[in-house]
C-alpha cells in the first residue's frame, strides 16, 4: 500500500506521535509511507525512519488555505496513493475538497481519525464525513454518534491509541546515573515515596485537587501518617498561561506544603518518573478523548488513580479499575490514595490494615492498548477498504 497521512504540523503532541508511530510501522511492514504537513521538528525523525515528508501549508484556519486545494489534488493524482488518512480538521477540509472531485473509480480511500471531542459545528463535521472514521476510544465513538450521526457514512471503528511496550517497559534498565542526576536536581525527592501527576498545567487538569490532597496527607492539618510522601507535578504551562504555574505554587504555599510539592516543568524522561513513582494520577475534570498517561503508567506497572470521566476513565477501567474515583470528589480521592498507599507496602503507616494484607497491586495493560495492536487494526482497516473498493470498482461518492 501507499498511504498518505495529513496533519497540520509535526512538532509535538498525541496526534503527531500517532502519525509517526503509524508511519514507522508502515515502513517496517514494507508499505510506502508519506506524510503531508507544514513541517516541524519531528520531520527529521520521520524521514530517518523511512517515510517521505512533503511540506504544504495545510495548517492555517483561514479562507486563504483554500488555495491549497488544487495543488493538493494535483499531488494526489501524481502520487496515486491507496489511502488518504486525515488527522485534523484544516487538512481534512482541504483534502476532502481535493478528493471529492477525483474520479470515484480510481481515487484513494478516505479515512480519518477523530482524536478529540470536537466542538459541535459544521467545521468539525468534516472529521465524520470520510469513508471510515477511526475513534480513539468508545468515548469518542459515542460523541460522534450523538453529535454527527447525519455526517457519518459508516459506524466509527474504535482503535485505541497504543503505548509502545518496547519503550514503556519495566524490564528496560534505568539509564545510567538517572536517579542521582534527578535527585541532584530535586533533592527533596530523596528517601520519599513519589505521587506523580503528569500533564500540562491548565485549570481542568486537576492540579489544585492534587495539591489539596497532598496537604491532607502531609500538612499540619493532615493526619500525620504520611510524612515520607512527595507530590510531583510534571508538565509545563501552556503558552500565555504561565501565570497558572505561579497560582499553583501560591496555593501550595498557602496550604503549607510548598516543600511537599515538586514542580518539574516539561520532561522528556517521563518513563523513568512513572517507574520511580508509587502512584500516578490523571485528574482531568472535563472529558478527554483518551488517557495516554494512564496506559503508559500501566505499561510501567505503576498503579493509577483517576477521575471517572471521559477517555482516561475508559483506559483506567480496563487497566486498573481500583483507581477510579468519582469526578471531582476530593474526599474519595484522598481515601483511595490512602488505601492504595497501604496496599503498596505501607501497612506500617496504616494500622487499620493487618500486616499480612499484601494483595497484588499491579495494573494490567490489555493488548488493545498497545502500539502493535493499534497498528495491526489500522492496517487491517486499510486492507478492508481497499478490498471493498476492488469489489465495487469505485469508492464512495463524496457529499
Protein backbone atom coordinates (compact mmCIF):
# COMPACT_ATOMS: atom_id res chain seq x y z
CA UNK A 1 0.00 0.00 0.00
CA UNK A 2 0.89 3.64 -0.41
CA UNK A 3 -0.51 5.66 2.49
CA UNK A 4 -0.57 9.43 2.91
CA UNK A 5 -1.25 10.90 6.34
CA UNK A 6 -2.15 14.58 6.62
CA UNK A 7 -1.91 16.79 9.70
CA UNK A 8 -1.17 20.49 10.37
CA UNK A 9 2.42 20.20 11.61
CA UNK A 10 4.97 17.81 13.08
CA UNK A 11 6.09 19.40 16.33
CA UNK A 12 4.71 17.62 19.40
CA UNK A 13 1.51 16.10 20.76
CA UNK A 14 -0.59 12.97 20.64
CA UNK A 15 -1.70 13.39 17.02
CA UNK A 16 1.91 13.80 15.92
CA UNK A 17 3.03 10.81 17.94
CA UNK A 18 0.30 8.64 16.45
CA UNK A 19 1.28 9.77 12.96
CA UNK A 20 4.94 8.86 13.48
CA UNK A 21 4.08 5.55 15.11
CA UNK A 22 1.91 4.51 12.17
CA UNK A 23 4.39 5.79 9.59
CA UNK A 24 7.17 3.76 11.18
CA UNK A 25 5.00 0.64 11.23
CA UNK A 26 4.02 1.08 7.58
CA UNK A 27 7.68 1.22 6.56
CA UNK A 28 8.55 -1.82 8.68
CA UNK A 29 5.72 -3.75 7.01
CA UNK A 30 7.01 -2.90 3.54
CA UNK A 31 4.44 -0.25 2.63
CA UNK A 32 5.12 3.25 1.33
CA UNK A 33 4.55 5.98 3.89
CA UNK A 34 4.10 9.67 3.06
CA UNK A 35 3.19 12.47 5.46
CA UNK A 36 1.98 15.92 4.38
CA UNK A 37 2.21 18.78 6.86
CA UNK A 38 3.53 22.33 7.21
CA UNK A 39 6.71 20.87 8.75
CA UNK A 40 8.16 20.86 12.24
CA UNK A 41 10.90 19.46 14.42
CA UNK A 42 9.74 15.83 14.02
CA UNK A 43 10.21 15.82 10.24
CA UNK A 44 13.83 14.71 10.63
CA UNK A 45 12.83 11.73 12.76
CA UNK A 46 10.04 10.82 10.35
CA UNK A 47 12.41 10.77 7.40
CA UNK A 48 15.14 8.92 9.30
CA UNK A 49 12.58 6.19 9.98
CA UNK A 50 11.90 5.72 6.27
CA UNK A 51 8.90 7.89 5.45
CA UNK A 52 8.73 10.72 2.96
CA UNK A 53 7.61 14.17 4.08
CA UNK A 54 6.01 16.74 1.78
CA UNK A 55 5.72 20.29 3.09
CA UNK A 56 2.48 22.12 2.31
CA UNK A 57 0.76 24.91 4.28
CA UNK A 58 -2.21 22.81 5.37
CA UNK A 59 -2.35 24.21 8.90
CA UNK A 60 -3.93 27.66 8.80
CA UNK A 61 -7.59 28.05 9.78
CA UNK A 62 -8.14 30.67 7.11
CA UNK A 63 -10.00 31.03 3.83
CA UNK A 64 -6.64 31.58 2.16
CA UNK A 65 -5.88 27.92 2.83
CA UNK A 66 -8.43 27.02 0.14
CA UNK A 67 -5.71 27.98 -2.35
CA UNK A 68 -4.07 24.66 -1.42
CA UNK A 69 -6.98 22.53 -2.70
CA UNK A 70 -5.88 22.45 -6.35
CA UNK A 71 -2.19 21.81 -5.64
CA UNK A 72 -3.23 19.08 -3.24
CA UNK A 73 -5.48 17.50 -5.87
CA UNK A 74 -2.61 17.53 -8.38
CA UNK A 75 -0.30 15.99 -5.80
CA UNK A 76 -2.77 13.19 -5.05
CA UNK A 77 -3.11 12.46 -8.79
CA UNK A 78 0.68 12.35 -9.14
CA UNK A 79 1.33 10.18 -6.09
CA UNK A 80 -1.66 7.84 -6.62
CA UNK A 81 -1.92 6.69 -3.00
CA UNK A 82 -4.20 3.89 -1.91
CA UNK A 83 -5.19 5.57 1.37
CA UNK A 84 -5.57 9.18 2.48
CA UNK A 85 -5.62 9.35 6.29
CA UNK A 86 -6.80 12.66 7.78
CA UNK A 87 -5.85 13.58 11.33
CA UNK A 88 -7.01 17.16 11.84
CA UNK A 89 -9.76 19.49 10.69
CA UNK A 90 -7.99 22.04 8.44
CA UNK A 91 -6.08 19.45 6.39
CA UNK A 92 -9.23 17.30 6.41
CA UNK A 93 -11.26 20.06 4.73
CA UNK A 94 -8.58 20.77 2.15
CA UNK A 95 -8.07 17.10 1.35
CA UNK A 96 -11.79 16.36 1.22
CA UNK A 97 -12.40 19.18 -1.25
CA UNK A 98 -9.49 17.94 -3.37
CA UNK A 99 -10.53 14.29 -3.13
CA UNK A 100 -14.23 14.56 -3.95
CA UNK A 101 -13.54 15.90 -7.48
CA UNK A 102 -11.26 12.99 -8.32
CA UNK A 103 -12.57 10.07 -10.36
CA UNK A 104 -14.57 7.86 -7.90
CA UNK A 105 -13.32 4.78 -9.77
CA UNK A 106 -9.67 5.45 -9.12
CA UNK A 107 -9.35 7.84 -6.20
CA UNK A 108 -7.88 6.65 -2.90
CA UNK A 109 -9.95 5.56 0.07
CA UNK A 110 -10.54 8.32 2.59
CA UNK A 111 -10.03 7.68 6.32
CA UNK A 112 -10.00 10.00 9.31
CA UNK A 113 -9.04 9.58 12.94
CA UNK A 114 -11.13 11.53 15.44
CA UNK A 115 -8.55 12.40 18.08
CA UNK A 116 -10.78 14.73 20.08
CA UNK A 117 -14.23 15.67 21.31
CA UNK A 118 -14.57 18.40 18.74
CA UNK A 119 -16.81 21.45 19.06
CA UNK A 120 -20.20 20.76 17.52
CA UNK A 121 -20.37 22.71 14.28
CA UNK A 122 -20.07 22.33 10.53
CA UNK A 123 -16.34 22.96 10.63
CA UNK A 124 -15.75 19.96 12.91
CA UNK A 125 -18.21 17.75 11.00
CA UNK A 126 -15.58 17.16 8.31
CA UNK A 127 -13.90 14.60 10.57
CA UNK A 128 -17.06 12.47 10.35
CA UNK A 129 -17.57 12.73 6.59
CA UNK A 130 -14.85 10.38 5.39
CA UNK A 131 -15.50 6.86 4.17
CA UNK A 132 -14.41 5.44 7.51
CA UNK A 133 -13.79 7.18 10.81
CA UNK A 134 -11.44 5.76 13.45
CA UNK A 135 -12.38 6.75 17.01
CA UNK A 136 -9.56 6.57 19.55
CA UNK A 137 -11.93 5.45 22.34
CA UNK A 138 -15.53 4.41 22.97
CA UNK A 139 -15.94 7.86 24.49
CA UNK A 140 -15.12 9.47 21.13
CA UNK A 141 -17.28 6.98 19.23
CA UNK A 142 -20.32 7.80 21.38
CA UNK A 143 -19.64 11.51 20.92
CA UNK A 144 -19.57 11.10 17.14
CA UNK A 145 -22.77 9.05 17.10
CA UNK A 146 -24.53 11.52 19.38
CA UNK A 147 -23.47 14.67 17.53
CA UNK A 148 -22.52 13.76 13.96
CA UNK A 149 -24.73 10.82 13.03
CA UNK A 150 -26.03 12.58 9.90
CA UNK A 151 -22.46 13.05 8.62
CA UNK A 152 -21.19 9.52 9.25
CA UNK A 153 -21.17 7.10 6.33
CA UNK A 154 -20.34 4.12 8.50
CA UNK A 155 -20.20 3.36 12.19
CA UNK A 156 -16.93 4.61 13.66
CA UNK A 157 -14.35 1.91 14.34
CA UNK A 158 -12.73 2.08 17.77
CA UNK A 159 -8.96 1.66 17.60
CA UNK A 160 -7.33 2.71 20.85
CA UNK A 161 -4.15 4.72 20.78
CA UNK A 162 -1.45 2.30 21.78
CA UNK A 163 1.57 2.52 24.04
CA UNK A 164 4.84 1.19 22.66
CA UNK A 165 5.69 -1.57 25.12
CA UNK A 166 9.25 -1.63 23.76
CA UNK A 167 9.67 1.92 25.03
CA UNK A 168 7.49 1.71 28.15
CA UNK A 169 8.55 -1.46 29.91
CA UNK A 170 9.69 -2.04 33.49
CA UNK A 171 12.15 -4.59 32.09
CA UNK A 172 14.24 -1.85 30.49
CA UNK A 173 17.24 -0.81 32.57
CA UNK A 174 17.22 2.57 34.28
CA UNK A 175 19.55 4.91 32.34
CA UNK A 176 22.94 5.27 33.98
CA UNK A 177 23.05 7.97 36.64
CA UNK A 178 19.39 8.91 36.02
CA UNK A 179 18.38 8.64 39.65
CA UNK A 180 21.33 10.53 41.08
CA UNK A 181 21.06 13.23 38.42
CA UNK A 182 17.37 13.64 39.15
CA UNK A 183 17.89 13.70 42.92
CA UNK A 184 20.62 16.26 42.40
CA UNK A 185 18.16 18.45 40.55
CA UNK A 186 15.33 17.80 43.01
CA UNK A 187 16.95 16.83 46.35
CA UNK A 188 13.60 16.92 48.17
CA UNK A 189 12.68 13.64 46.41
CA UNK A 190 15.34 11.60 48.17
CA UNK A 191 14.03 8.88 50.52
CA UNK A 192 10.42 9.74 49.77
CA UNK A 193 7.58 7.99 48.00
CA UNK A 194 6.57 9.85 44.88
CA UNK A 195 2.97 10.66 43.96
CA UNK A 196 3.05 11.79 40.34
CA UNK A 197 0.57 13.96 38.40
CA UNK A 198 1.77 14.32 34.78
CA UNK A 199 0.12 16.71 32.33
CA UNK A 200 0.31 20.27 31.13
CA UNK A 201 -0.59 22.95 33.63
CA UNK A 202 -4.16 24.01 32.96
CA UNK A 203 -7.16 24.55 35.22
CA UNK A 204 -9.12 21.45 34.32
CA UNK A 205 -6.20 19.00 34.68
CA UNK A 206 -6.74 18.69 38.44
CA UNK A 207 -3.51 20.14 39.82
CA UNK A 208 -5.42 22.06 42.51
CA UNK A 209 -7.17 18.91 43.73
CA UNK A 210 -3.79 17.17 43.79
CA UNK A 211 -2.23 19.89 45.93
CA UNK A 212 -5.15 19.81 48.38
CA UNK A 213 -4.73 16.02 48.62
CA UNK A 214 -1.01 16.31 49.38
CA UNK A 215 -1.86 18.88 52.06
CA UNK A 216 -4.32 16.46 53.66
CA UNK A 217 -1.71 13.71 53.65
CA UNK A 218 1.33 15.61 54.80
CA UNK A 219 0.39 19.05 56.06
CA UNK A 220 -0.13 20.26 59.60
CA UNK A 221 -3.86 19.85 59.12
CA UNK A 222 -3.46 16.26 57.95
CA UNK A 223 -3.34 13.05 59.94
CA UNK A 224 0.47 12.96 60.09
CA UNK A 225 0.78 9.38 58.85
CA UNK A 226 2.41 10.10 55.51
CA UNK A 227 5.49 12.19 56.20
CA UNK A 228 7.51 10.30 53.54
CA UNK A 229 5.25 11.47 50.69
CA UNK A 230 6.31 13.94 47.98
CA UNK A 231 3.85 15.19 45.40
CA UNK A 232 5.22 15.76 41.89
CA UNK A 233 3.52 17.91 39.26
CA UNK A 234 5.19 17.11 35.95
CA UNK A 235 4.42 19.34 32.99
CA UNK A 236 4.73 22.85 31.67
CA UNK A 237 2.22 25.65 31.38
CA UNK A 238 0.51 26.35 28.08
CA UNK A 239 1.70 29.35 26.08
CA UNK A 240 0.46 32.64 27.55
CA UNK A 241 -0.75 30.78 30.67
CA UNK A 242 2.49 30.70 32.62
CA UNK A 243 0.74 32.62 35.42
CA UNK A 244 -1.17 29.46 36.32
CA UNK A 245 2.08 27.83 37.46
CA UNK A 246 2.54 30.76 39.85
CA UNK A 247 -1.02 30.29 41.13
CA UNK A 248 -0.36 26.62 41.86
CA UNK A 249 2.82 27.40 43.76
CA UNK A 250 0.95 30.07 45.71
CA UNK A 251 -1.76 27.54 46.60
CA UNK A 252 0.88 25.06 47.84
CA UNK A 253 2.41 27.80 49.99
CA UNK A 254 -0.99 28.84 51.32
CA UNK A 255 -1.71 25.25 52.36
CA UNK A 256 1.71 24.93 53.98
CA UNK A 257 3.03 22.25 51.63
CA UNK A 258 5.26 24.18 49.23
CA UNK A 259 8.15 21.91 50.27
CA UNK A 260 5.99 18.83 49.65
CA UNK A 261 5.21 19.65 46.02
CA UNK A 262 7.88 19.38 43.32
CA UNK A 263 7.21 21.24 40.05
CA UNK A 264 9.42 19.67 37.38
CA UNK A 265 8.27 21.54 34.28
CA UNK A 266 8.23 19.70 30.98
CA UNK A 267 10.28 16.47 30.93
CA UNK A 268 11.33 14.12 28.14
CA UNK A 269 12.15 11.26 30.54
CA UNK A 270 8.61 10.55 31.76
CA UNK A 271 9.11 6.78 31.59
CA UNK A 272 11.53 6.91 34.50
CA UNK A 273 9.18 9.12 36.52
CA UNK A 274 6.44 6.53 36.05
CA UNK A 275 8.84 3.79 37.11
CA UNK A 276 10.03 5.52 40.28
CA UNK A 277 6.59 6.71 41.43
CA UNK A 278 4.44 4.88 43.96
CA UNK A 279 1.20 6.18 42.43
CA UNK A 280 0.37 8.05 39.22
CA UNK A 281 -2.67 10.33 38.84
CA UNK A 282 -4.90 11.50 35.99
CA UNK A 283 -7.29 14.09 37.45
CA UNK A 284 -8.77 15.74 34.37
CA UNK A 285 -12.14 17.15 35.40
CA UNK A 286 -13.62 17.62 31.93
CA UNK A 287 -13.96 14.76 29.42
CA UNK A 288 -10.84 13.99 27.44
CA UNK A 289 -10.86 11.69 24.41
CA UNK A 290 -8.20 9.32 25.74
CA UNK A 291 -5.90 8.66 28.68
CA UNK A 292 -2.35 8.19 27.40
CA UNK A 293 -0.77 8.78 30.81
CA UNK A 294 -2.98 6.01 32.18
CA UNK A 295 -1.79 3.38 29.72
CA UNK A 296 1.84 4.49 29.88
CA UNK A 297 1.86 4.21 33.67
CA UNK A 298 0.07 0.84 33.42
CA UNK A 299 2.73 -0.38 30.99
CA UNK A 300 5.35 0.53 33.60
CA UNK A 301 3.43 -1.41 36.27
CA UNK A 302 2.59 1.62 38.43
CA UNK A 303 -0.89 1.92 39.99
CA UNK A 304 -3.01 4.81 38.71
CA UNK A 305 -5.75 6.90 40.33
CA UNK A 306 -8.10 8.93 38.15
CA UNK A 307 -11.47 10.60 37.94
CA UNK A 308 -14.26 8.56 36.41
CA UNK A 309 -14.90 10.72 33.35
CA UNK A 310 -14.14 10.56 29.64
CA UNK A 311 -11.44 8.59 27.86
CA UNK A 312 -8.98 8.38 30.80
CA UNK A 313 -11.66 6.59 32.86
CA UNK A 314 -12.20 4.18 30.00
CA UNK A 315 -8.48 3.37 29.93
CA UNK A 316 -8.34 3.13 33.73
CA UNK A 317 -11.37 0.83 33.86
CA UNK A 318 -9.52 -1.52 31.51
CA UNK A 319 -6.12 -1.30 33.22
CA UNK A 320 -6.72 -0.65 36.92
CA UNK A 321 -10.36 -0.17 37.98
CA UNK A 322 -9.38 0.02 41.68
CA UNK A 323 -8.07 3.51 40.94
CA UNK A 324 -11.36 5.03 39.74
CA UNK A 325 -12.68 7.98 41.75
CA UNK A 326 -15.91 9.93 41.32
CA UNK A 327 -15.18 13.04 39.26
CA UNK A 328 -14.14 15.94 41.46
CA UNK A 329 -14.69 14.05 44.73
CA UNK A 330 -11.72 15.12 46.84
CA UNK A 331 -12.73 13.01 49.83
CA UNK A 332 -12.85 9.86 47.71
CA UNK A 333 -9.57 10.85 46.04
CA UNK A 334 -7.91 11.06 49.45
CA UNK A 335 -9.47 7.81 50.67
CA UNK A 336 -8.40 5.93 47.52
CA UNK A 337 -4.87 7.29 47.84
CA UNK A 338 -4.64 6.17 51.47
CA UNK A 339 -5.97 2.73 50.58
CA UNK A 340 -3.53 2.21 47.72
CA UNK A 341 -0.60 3.53 49.71
CA UNK A 342 -1.43 0.92 52.33
CA UNK A 343 -1.63 -1.79 49.69
CA UNK A 344 1.75 -0.86 48.20
CA UNK A 345 3.53 -1.99 51.33
CA UNK A 346 2.83 0.88 53.72
CA UNK A 347 0.75 -1.14 56.17
CA UNK A 348 3.02 0.09 58.96
CA UNK A 349 1.64 3.58 58.29
CA UNK A 350 -1.96 2.33 58.11
CA UNK A 351 -2.74 0.29 61.23
CA UNK A 352 -6.32 -0.27 60.08
CA UNK A 353 -4.96 -2.98 57.76
CA UNK A 354 -3.40 -6.18 59.13
CA UNK A 355 0.35 -6.64 58.41
CA UNK A 356 -0.28 -9.80 56.42
CA UNK A 357 -2.52 -7.89 54.00
CA UNK A 358 -0.42 -7.72 50.82
CA UNK A 359 -2.62 -8.08 47.73
CA UNK A 360 -1.27 -7.99 44.19
CA UNK A 361 -1.28 -4.35 43.18
CA UNK A 362 -0.15 -4.05 39.60
CA UNK A 363 -2.06 -2.69 36.61
CA UNK A 364 -2.57 -4.93 33.62
CA UNK A 365 -2.30 -3.42 30.15
CA UNK A 366 -4.77 -5.11 27.77
CA UNK A 367 -3.41 -5.82 24.30
CA UNK A 368 -5.95 -3.39 22.78
CA UNK A 369 -3.93 -0.54 24.31
CA UNK A 370 -0.59 -1.50 22.76
CA UNK A 371 1.02 0.07 19.72
CA UNK A 372 1.29 -3.28 17.95
CA UNK A 373 -2.46 -3.81 18.26
CA UNK A 374 -3.23 -0.26 17.08
CA UNK A 375 -1.06 -0.74 14.01
CA UNK A 376 -2.47 -4.17 13.16
CA UNK A 377 -6.06 -2.91 13.45
CA UNK A 378 -5.33 0.16 11.32
CA UNK A 379 -3.61 -1.81 8.56
CA UNK A 380 -6.46 -4.33 8.57
CA UNK A 381 -8.92 -1.47 8.17
CA UNK A 382 -6.98 -0.13 5.20
CA UNK A 383 -6.94 -3.56 3.58
CA UNK A 384 -10.68 -3.95 4.16
CA UNK A 385 -11.43 -0.62 2.49
CA UNK A 386 -9.22 -1.47 -0.47
CA UNK A 387 -10.90 -4.86 -0.86
CA UNK A 388 -14.32 -3.22 -0.79
CA UNK A 389 -13.17 -0.71 -3.40
CA UNK A 390 -11.90 -3.53 -5.62
CA UNK A 391 -15.23 -5.33 -5.32
CA UNK A 392 -17.33 -2.28 -6.19
CA UNK A 393 -14.93 -0.80 -8.73
CA UNK A 394 -15.08 2.62 -7.07
CA UNK A 395 -15.01 4.38 -3.75
CA UNK A 396 -17.97 6.11 -2.15
CA UNK A 397 -19.34 9.24 -3.76
CA UNK A 398 -18.49 12.44 -1.89
CA UNK A 399 -21.26 14.59 -0.42
